[in-house]
Amino acid sequence: MAEKLFKMELREVASRIYVELVLRATSVSETGVKLTSSPENLAKLSFKLAQVFETVQEDLNAENLPKNPDFKLGNDDIAAWIK
């Protein structure tokens, strides 16, 4: 199965997610700094999560779109409501 191409618009969201993941995966001690996950894996996860975030946003927006955008309200339609 081919991998999805990621939109460049997702880069900002992915970078914010990446920073948060790196902060949570880093432990600092007196003797050094330890990153519990690979930075490359965190970057990949960040883009995948950003893609999911955008997909959910598109689904929620689609629910709020007009169901019949080509409908034109005319005088006949209003007259039919009064009958």
PDB file of N, CA and C in Angstrom:
ATOM      1  N   MET A   1       0.845  -1.173   0.000  1.00  0.00           N
ATOM      2  CA  MET A   1       0.000   0.000   0.000  1.00  0.00           C
ATOM      3  C   MET A   1       0.895   1.242   0.000  1.00  0.00           C
ATOM      4  N   ALA A   2       0.589   2.194  -0.855  1.00  0.00           N
ATOM      5  CA  ALA A   2       1.395   3.412  -0.967  1.00  0.00           C
ATOM      6  C   ALA A   2       1.107   4.335   0.214  1.00  0.00           C
ATOM      7  N   GLU A   3       2.154   4.984   0.672  1.00  0.00           N
ATOM      8  CA  GLU A   3       2.011   5.954   1.755  1.00  0.00           C
ATOM      9  C   GLU A   3       1.308   7.202   1.233  1.00  0.00           C
ATOM     10  N   LYS A   4       0.534   7.846   2.085  1.00  0.00           N
ATOM     11  CA  LYS A   4      -0.119   9.105   1.726  1.00  0.00           C
ATOM     12  C   LYS A   4       0.918  10.216   1.640  1.00  0.00           C
ATOM     13  N   LEU A   5       0.701  11.134   0.706  1.00  0.00           N
ATOM     14  CA  LEU A   5       1.533  12.325   0.660  1.00  0.00           C
ATOM     15  C   LEU A   5       0.981  13.318   1.671  1.00  0.00           C
ATOM     16  N   PHE A   6       1.871  13.980   2.377  1.00  0.00           N
ATOM     17  CA  PHE A   6       1.445  14.932   3.395  1.00  0.00           C
ATOM     18  C   PHE A   6       1.445  16.340   2.822  1.00  0.00           C
ATOM     19  N   LYS A   7       0.422  17.067   3.141  1.00  0.00           N
ATOM     20  CA  LYS A   7       0.299  18.449   2.674  1.00  0.00           C
ATOM     21  C   LYS A   7       1.250  19.336   3.468  1.00  0.00           C
ATOM     22  N   MET A   8       1.828  20.304   2.786  1.00  0.00           N
ATOM     23  CA  MET A   8       2.742  21.232   3.463  1.00  0.00           C
ATOM     24  C   MET A   8       2.018  22.069   4.522  1.00  0.00           C
ATOM     25  N   GLU A   9       0.703  22.240   4.368  1.00  0.00           N
ATOM     26  CA  GLU A   9      -0.061  23.000   5.354  1.00  0.00           C
ATOM     27  C   GLU A   9      -0.042  22.312   6.726  1.00  0.00           C
ATOM     28  N   LEU A  10       0.217  21.009   6.740  1.00  0.00           N
ATOM     29  CA  LEU A  10       0.229  20.266   7.997  1.00  0.00           C
ATOM     30  C   LEU A  10       1.533  20.456   8.762  1.00  0.00           C
ATOM     31  N   ARG A  11       2.516  21.052   8.126  1.00  0.00           N
ATOM     32  CA  ARG A  11       3.844  21.170   8.738  1.00  0.00           C
ATOM     33  C   ARG A  11       3.799  21.942  10.056  1.00  0.00           C
ATOM     34  N   GLU A  12       3.023  23.000  10.117  1.00  0.00           N
ATOM     35  CA  GLU A  12       2.946  23.802  11.342  1.00  0.00           C
ATOM     36  C   GLU A  12       2.343  22.995  12.492  1.00  0.00           C
ATOM     37  N   VAL A  13       1.254  22.298  12.211  1.00  0.00           N
ATOM     38  CA  VAL A  13       0.622  21.477  13.244  1.00  0.00           C
ATOM     39  C   VAL A  13       1.562  20.352  13.649  1.00  0.00           C
ATOM     40  N   ALA A  14       2.184  19.722  12.661  1.00  0.00           N
ATOM     41  CA  ALA A  14       3.111  18.622  12.948  1.00  0.00           C
ATOM     42  C   ALA A  14       4.296  19.103  13.782  1.00  0.00           C
ATOM     43  N   SER A  15       4.794  20.288  13.493  1.00  0.00           N
ATOM     44  CA  SER A  15       5.942  20.784  14.254  1.00  0.00           C
ATOM     45  C   SER A  15       5.559  21.068  15.708  1.00  0.00           C
ATOM     46  N   ARG A  16       4.361  21.543  15.933  1.00  0.00           N
ATOM     47  CA  ARG A  16       3.908  21.770  17.314  1.00  0.00           C
ATOM     48  C   ARG A  16       3.754  20.450  18.062  1.00  0.00           C
ATOM     49  N   ILE A  17       3.199  19.459  17.362  1.00  0.00           N
ATOM     50  CA  ILE A  17       3.063  18.127  17.965  1.00  0.00           C
ATOM     51  C   ILE A  17       4.450  17.554  18.259  1.00  0.00           C
ATOM     52  N   TYR A  18       5.380  17.728  17.321  1.00  0.00           N
ATOM     53  CA  TYR A  18       6.744  17.209  17.479  1.00  0.00           C
ATOM     54  C   TYR A  18       7.412  17.801  18.713  1.00  0.00           C
ATOM     55  N   VAL A  19       7.305  19.101  18.880  1.00  0.00           N
ATOM     56  CA  VAL A  19       7.913  19.753  20.048  1.00  0.00           C
ATOM     57  C   VAL A  19       7.342  19.163  21.333  1.00  0.00           C
ATOM     58  N   GLU A  20       6.045  18.980  21.371  1.00  0.00           N
ATOM     59  CA  GLU A  20       5.408  18.423  22.565  1.00  0.00           C
ATOM     60  C   GLU A  20       5.882  16.991  22.819  1.00  0.00           C
ATOM     61  N   LEU A  21       5.965  16.188  21.759  1.00  0.00           N
ATOM     62  CA  LEU A  21       6.421  14.803  21.915  1.00  0.00           C
ATOM     63  C   LEU A  21       7.873  14.746  22.384  1.00  0.00           C
ATOM     64  N   VAL A  22       8.718  15.598  21.826  1.00  0.00           N
ATOM     65  CA  VAL A  22      10.126  15.618  22.241  1.00  0.00           C
ATOM     66  C   VAL A  22      10.242  16.032  23.708  1.00  0.00           C
ATOM     67  N   LEU A  23       9.475  17.027  24.107  1.00  0.00           N
ATOM     68  CA  LEU A  23       9.508  17.453  25.511  1.00  0.00           C
ATOM     69  C   LEU A  23       9.116  16.309  26.448  1.00  0.00           C
ATOM     70  N   ARG A  24       8.116  15.564  26.057  1.00  0.00           N
ATOM     71  CA  ARG A  24       7.646  14.465  26.906  1.00  0.00           C
ATOM     72  C   ARG A  24       8.581  13.258  26.875  1.00  0.00           C
ATOM     73  N   ALA A  25       9.350  13.103  25.788  1.00  0.00           N
ATOM     74  CA  ALA A  25      10.248  11.959  25.651  1.00  0.00           C
ATOM     75  C   ALA A  25      11.660  12.257  26.141  1.00  0.00           C
ATOM     76  N   THR A  26      11.896  13.445  26.644  1.00  0.00           N
ATOM     77  CA  THR A  26      13.234  13.848  27.086  1.00  0.00           C
ATOM     78  C   THR A  26      13.307  13.869  28.607  1.00  0.00           C
ATOM     79  N   SER A  27      14.372  13.281  29.115  1.00  0.00           N
ATOM     80  CA  SER A  27      14.623  13.382  30.553  1.00  0.00           C
ATOM     81  C   SER A  27      16.010  13.991  30.758  1.00  0.00           C
ATOM     82  N   VAL A  28      16.061  14.999  31.582  1.00  0.00           N
ATOM     83  CA  VAL A  28      17.307  15.715  31.852  1.00  0.00           C
ATOM     84  C   VAL A  28      17.733  15.387  33.281  1.00  0.00           C
ATOM     85  N   SER A  29      18.992  14.997  33.415  1.00  0.00           N
ATOM     86  CA  SER A  29      19.536  14.725  34.747  1.00  0.00           C
ATOM     87  C   SER A  29      20.873  15.445  34.893  1.00  0.00           C
ATOM     88  N   GLU A  30      21.483  15.287  36.038  1.00  0.00           N
ATOM     89  CA  GLU A  30      22.781  15.920  36.271  1.00  0.00           C
ATOM     90  C   GLU A  30      23.864  15.348  35.367  1.00  0.00           C
ATOM     91  N   THR A  31      23.685  14.104  34.952  1.00  0.00           N
ATOM     92  CA  THR A  31      24.710  13.442  34.151  1.00  0.00           C
ATOM     93  C   THR A  31      24.484  13.575  32.650  1.00  0.00           C
ATOM     94  N   GLY A  32      23.313  14.028  32.232  1.00  0.00           N
ATOM     95  CA  GLY A  32      23.081  14.188  30.798  1.00  0.00           C
ATOM     96  C   GLY A  32      21.616  14.287  30.437  1.00  0.00           C
ATOM     97  N   VAL A  33      21.387  14.165  29.150  1.00  0.00           N
ATOM     98  CA  VAL A  33      20.032  14.248  28.594  1.00  0.00           C
ATOM     99  C   VAL A  33      19.744  12.935  27.878  1.00  0.00           C
ATOM    100  N   LYS A  34      18.571  12.394  28.113  1.00  0.00           N
ATOM    101  CA  LYS A  34      18.202  11.127  27.479  1.00  0.00           C
ATOM    102  C   LYS A  34      16.879  11.298  26.747  1.00  0.00           C
ATOM    103  N   LEU A  35      16.877  10.903  25.484  1.00  0.00           N
ATOM    104  CA  LEU A  35      15.665  10.922  24.668  1.00  0.00           C
ATOM    105  C   LEU A  35      15.200   9.476  24.541  1.00  0.00           C
ATOM    106  N   THR A  36      13.998   9.175  25.052  1.00  0.00           N
ATOM    107  CA  THR A  36      13.533   7.793  25.110  1.00  0.00           C
ATOM    108  C   THR A  36      13.037   7.261  23.771  1.00  0.00           C
ATOM    109  N   SER A  37      12.840   8.119  22.792  1.00  0.00           N
ATOM    110  CA  SER A  37      12.384   7.704  21.469  1.00  0.00           C
ATOM    111  C   SER A  37      13.270   8.324  20.407  1.00  0.00           C
ATOM    112  N   SER A  38      13.268   7.693  19.256  1.00  0.00           N
ATOM    113  CA  SER A  38      14.040   8.216  18.135  1.00  0.00           C
ATOM    114  C   SER A  38      13.414   9.520  17.637  1.00  0.00           C
ATOM    115  N   PRO A  39      14.223  10.566  17.417  1.00  0.00           N
ATOM    116  CA  PRO A  39      13.674  11.819  16.889  1.00  0.00           C
ATOM    117  C   PRO A  39      12.984  11.620  15.539  1.00  0.00           C
ATOM    118  N   GLU A  40      13.504  10.716  14.727  1.00  0.00           N
ATOM    119  CA  GLU A  40      12.877  10.435  13.428  1.00  0.00           C
ATOM    120  C   GLU A  40      11.500   9.813  13.607  1.00  0.00           C
ATOM    121  N   ASN A  41      11.378   8.880  14.532  1.00  0.00           N
ATOM    122  CA  ASN A  41      10.074   8.267  14.799  1.00  0.00           C
ATOM    123  C   ASN A  41       9.077   9.289  15.343  1.00  0.00           C
ATOM    124  N   LEU A  42       9.564  10.186  16.189  1.00  0.00           N
ATOM    125  CA  LEU A  42       8.689  11.238  16.717  1.00  0.00           C
ATOM    126  C   LEU A  42       8.217  12.168  15.603  1.00  0.00           C
ATOM    127  N   ALA A  43       9.095  12.474  14.658  1.00  0.00           N
ATOM    128  CA  ALA A  43       8.719  13.336  13.534  1.00  0.00           C
ATOM    129  C   ALA A  43       7.665  12.647  12.659  1.00  0.00           C
ATOM    130  N   LYS A  44       7.871  11.360  12.387  1.00  0.00           N
ATOM    131  CA  LYS A  44       6.884  10.615  11.587  1.00  0.00           C
ATOM    132  C   LYS A  44       5.539  10.574  12.295  1.00  0.00           C
ATOM    133  N   LEU A  45       5.568  10.302  13.590  1.00  0.00           N
ATOM    134  CA  LEU A  45       4.334  10.267  14.370  1.00  0.00           C
ATOM    135  C   LEU A  45       3.645  11.632  14.362  1.00  0.00           C
ATOM    136  N   SER A  46       4.429  12.688  14.428  1.00  0.00           N
ATOM    137  CA  SER A  46       3.870  14.034  14.428  1.00  0.00           C
ATOM    138  C   SER A  46       3.084  14.310  13.154  1.00  0.00           C
ATOM    139  N   PHE A  47       3.649  13.939  12.010  1.00  0.00           N
ATOM    140  CA  PHE A  47       2.939  14.151  10.747  1.00  0.00           C
ATOM    141  C   PHE A  47       1.700  13.273  10.647  1.00  0.00           C
ATOM    142  N   LYS A  48       1.776  12.053  11.126  1.00  0.00           N
ATOM    143  CA  LYS A  48       0.602  11.174  11.094  1.00  0.00           C
ATOM    144  C   LYS A  48      -0.517  11.723  11.983  1.00  0.00           C
ATOM    145  N   LEU A  49      -0.148  12.211  13.149  1.00  0.00           N
ATOM    146  CA  LEU A  49      -1.157  12.799  14.046  1.00  0.00           C
ATOM    147  C   LEU A  49      -1.742  14.079  13.466  1.00  0.00           C
ATOM    148  N   ALA A  50      -0.910  14.878  12.816  1.00  0.00           N
ATOM    149  CA  ALA A  50      -1.409  16.106  12.180  1.00  0.00           C
ATOM    150  C   ALA A  50      -2.387  15.757  11.067  1.00  0.00           C
ATOM    151  N   GLN A  51      -2.114  14.681  10.316  1.00  0.00           N
ATOM    152  CA  GLN A  51      -3.016  14.242   9.249  1.00  0.00           C
ATOM    153  C   GLN A  51      -4.354  13.801   9.832  1.00  0.00           C
ATOM    154  N   VAL A  52      -4.320  13.068  10.925  1.00  0.00           N
ATOM    155  CA  VAL A  52      -5.559  12.637  11.588  1.00  0.00           C
ATOM    156  C   VAL A  52      -6.339  13.846  12.076  1.00  0.00           C
ATOM    157  N   PHE A  53      -5.645  14.802  12.652  1.00  0.00           N
ATOM    158  CA  PHE A  53      -6.266  16.031  13.144  1.00  0.00           C
ATOM    159  C   PHE A  53      -6.995  16.746  12.008  1.00  0.00           C
ATOM    160  N   GLU A  54      -6.329  16.867  10.849  1.00  0.00           N
ATOM    161  CA  GLU A  54      -6.954  17.539   9.707  1.00  0.00           C
ATOM    162  C   GLU A  54      -8.146  16.748   9.172  1.00  0.00           C
ATOM    163  N   THR A  55      -8.032  15.428   9.130  1.00  0.00           N
ATOM    164  CA  THR A  55      -9.128  14.591   8.645  1.00  0.00           C
ATOM    165  C   THR A  55     -10.365  14.754   9.519  1.00  0.00           C
ATOM    166  N   VAL A  56     -10.178  14.752  10.824  1.00  0.00           N
ATOM    167  CA  VAL A  56     -11.307  14.936  11.750  1.00  0.00           C
ATOM    168  C   VAL A  56     -11.912  16.322  11.568  1.00  0.00           C
ATOM    169  N   GLN A  57     -11.071  17.332  11.403  1.00  0.00           N
ATOM    170  CA  GLN A  57     -11.569  18.692  11.192  1.00  0.00           C
ATOM    171  C   GLN A  57     -12.394  18.767   9.912  1.00  0.00           C
ATOM    172  N   GLU A  58     -11.927  18.142   8.835  1.00  0.00           N
ATOM    173  CA  GLU A  58     -12.673  18.142   7.575  1.00  0.00           C
ATOM    174  C   GLU A  58     -14.007  17.429   7.732  1.00  0.00           C
ATOM    175  N   ASP A  59     -14.029  16.313   8.474  1.00  0.00           N
ATOM    176  CA  ASP A  59     -15.280  15.586   8.708  1.00  0.00           C
ATOM    177  C   ASP A  59     -16.267  16.436   9.496  1.00  0.00           C
ATOM    178  N   LEU A  60     -15.779  17.116  10.525  1.00  0.00           N
ATOM    179  CA  LEU A  60     -16.667  17.966  11.325  1.00  0.00           C
ATOM    180  C   LEU A  60     -17.193  19.137  10.509  1.00  0.00           C
ATOM    181  N   ASN A  61     -16.339  19.725   9.677  1.00  0.00           N
ATOM    182  CA  ASN A  61     -16.781  20.822   8.821  1.00  0.00           C
ATOM    183  C   ASN A  61     -17.790  20.346   7.795  1.00  0.00           C
ATOM    184  N   ALA A  62     -17.610  19.145   7.264  1.00  0.00           N
ATOM    185  CA  ALA A  62     -18.535  18.609   6.262  1.00  0.00           C
ATOM    186  C   ALA A  62     -19.934  18.443   6.847  1.00  0.00           C
ATOM    187  N   GLU A  63     -20.017  18.100   8.131  1.00  0.00           N
ATOM    188  CA  GLU A  63     -21.317  17.958   8.783  1.00  0.00           C
ATOM    189  C   GLU A  63     -22.061  19.287   8.852  1.00  0.00           C
ATOM    190  N   ASN A  64     -21.326  20.394   8.845  1.00  0.00           N
ATOM    191  CA  ASN A  64     -21.938  21.714   8.979  1.00  0.00           C
ATOM    192  C   ASN A  64     -22.195  22.404   7.648  1.00  0.00           C
ATOM    193  N   LEU A  65     -21.805  21.778   6.551  1.00  0.00           N
ATOM    194  CA  LEU A  65     -22.040  22.368   5.230  1.00  0.00           C
ATOM    195  C   LEU A  65     -23.502  22.221   4.838  1.00  0.00           C
ATOM    196  N   PRO A  66     -24.006  23.100   3.980  1.00  0.00           N
ATOM    197  CA  PRO A  66     -25.388  22.961   3.513  1.00  0.00           C
ATOM    198  C   PRO A  66     -25.578  21.618   2.819  1.00  0.00           C
ATOM    199  N   LYS A  67     -26.710  20.989   3.044  1.00  0.00           N
ATOM    200  CA  LYS A  67     -26.973  19.670   2.475  1.00  0.00           C
ATOM    201  C   LYS A  67     -27.388  19.750   1.011  1.00  0.00           C
ATOM    202  N   ASN A  68     -27.962  20.870   0.603  1.00  0.00           N
ATOM    203  CA  ASN A  68     -28.392  21.046  -0.782  1.00  0.00           C
ATOM    204  C   ASN A  68     -27.968  22.443  -1.234  1.00  0.00           C
ATOM    205  N   PRO A  69     -26.694  22.621  -1.577  1.00  0.00           N
ATOM    206  CA  PRO A  69     -26.194  23.963  -1.876  1.00  0.00           C
ATOM    207  C   PRO A  69     -26.758  24.578  -3.160  1.00  0.00           C
ATOM    208  N   ASP A  70     -27.347  23.763  -4.042  1.00  0.00           N
ATOM    209  CA  ASP A  70     -27.889  24.282  -5.300  1.00  0.00           C
ATOM    210  C   ASP A  70     -29.345  24.724  -5.184  1.00  0.00           C
ATOM    211  N   PHE A  71     -29.959  24.556  -4.019  1.00  0.00           N
ATOM    212  CA  PHE A  71     -31.355  24.917  -3.826  1.00  0.00           C
ATOM    213  C   PHE A  71     -31.518  26.433  -3.900  1.00  0.00           C
ATOM    214  N   LYS A  72     -32.489  26.853  -4.693  1.00  0.00           N
ATOM    215  CA  LYS A  72     -32.824  28.279  -4.817  1.00  0.00           C
ATOM    216  C   LYS A  72     -34.229  28.474  -4.260  1.00  0.00           C
ATOM    217  N   LEU A  73     -34.340  29.357  -3.298  1.00  0.00           N
ATOM    218  CA  LEU A  73     -35.631  29.644  -2.695  1.00  0.00           C
ATOM    219  C   LEU A  73     -36.358  30.660  -3.562  1.00  0.00           C
ATOM    220  N   GLY A  74     -37.533  30.269  -4.016  1.00  0.00           N
ATOM    221  CA  GLY A  74     -38.318  31.151  -4.876  1.00  0.00           C
ATOM    222  C   GLY A  74     -39.664  31.476  -4.257  1.00  0.00           C
ATOM    223  N   ASN A  75     -40.391  32.374  -4.906  1.00  0.00           N
ATOM    224  CA  ASN A  75     -41.718  32.767  -4.414  1.00  0.00           C
ATOM    225  C   ASN A  75     -42.670  31.584  -4.373  1.00  0.00           C
ATOM    226  N   ASP A  76     -42.541  30.677  -5.328  1.00  0.00           N
ATOM    227  CA  ASP A  76     -43.415  29.499  -5.346  1.00  0.00           C
ATOM    228  C   ASP A  76     -43.190  28.619  -4.115  1.00  0.00           C
ATOM    229  N   ASP A  77     -41.946  28.517  -3.692  1.00  0.00           N
ATOM    230  CA  ASP A  77     -41.639  27.708  -2.506  1.00  0.00           C
ATOM    231  C   ASP A  77     -42.291  28.314  -1.269  1.00  0.00           C
ATOM    232  N   ILE A  78     -42.196  29.625  -1.131  1.00  0.00           N
ATOM    233  CA  ILE A  78     -42.789  30.301   0.024  1.00  0.00           C
ATOM    234  C   ILE A  78     -44.304  30.188  -0.019  1.00  0.00           C
ATOM    235  N   ALA A  79     -44.881  30.319  -1.192  1.00  0.00           N
ATOM    236  CA  ALA A  79     -46.329  30.215  -1.340  1.00  0.00           C
ATOM    237  C   ALA A  79     -46.800  28.815  -0.953  1.00  0.00           C
ATOM    238  N   ALA A  80     -46.004  27.798  -1.245  1.00  0.00           N
ATOM    239  CA  ALA A  80     -46.367  26.426  -0.884  1.00  0.00           C
ATOM    240  C   ALA A  80     -46.392  26.221   0.632  1.00  0.00           C
ATOM    241  N   TRP A  81     -45.571  26.969   1.375  1.00  0.00           N
ATOM    242  CA  TRP A  81     -45.549  26.841   2.824  1.00  0.00           C
ATOM    243  C   TRP A  81     -46.824  27.404   3.448  1.00  0.00           C
ATOM    244  N   ILE A  82     -47.419  28.415   2.805  1.00  0.00           N
ATOM    245  CA  ILE A  82     -48.576  29.099   3.374  1.00  0.00           C
ATOM    246  C   ILE A  82     -49.844  28.269   3.226  1.00  0.00           C
ATOM    247  N   LYS A  83     -49.899  27.446   2.215  1.00  0.00           N
ATOM    248  CA  LYS A  83     -51.126  26.653   1.948  1.00  0.00           C
ATOM    249  C   LYS A  83     -51.471  25.735   3.059  1.00  0.00           C
TER     250      LYS A  83
END
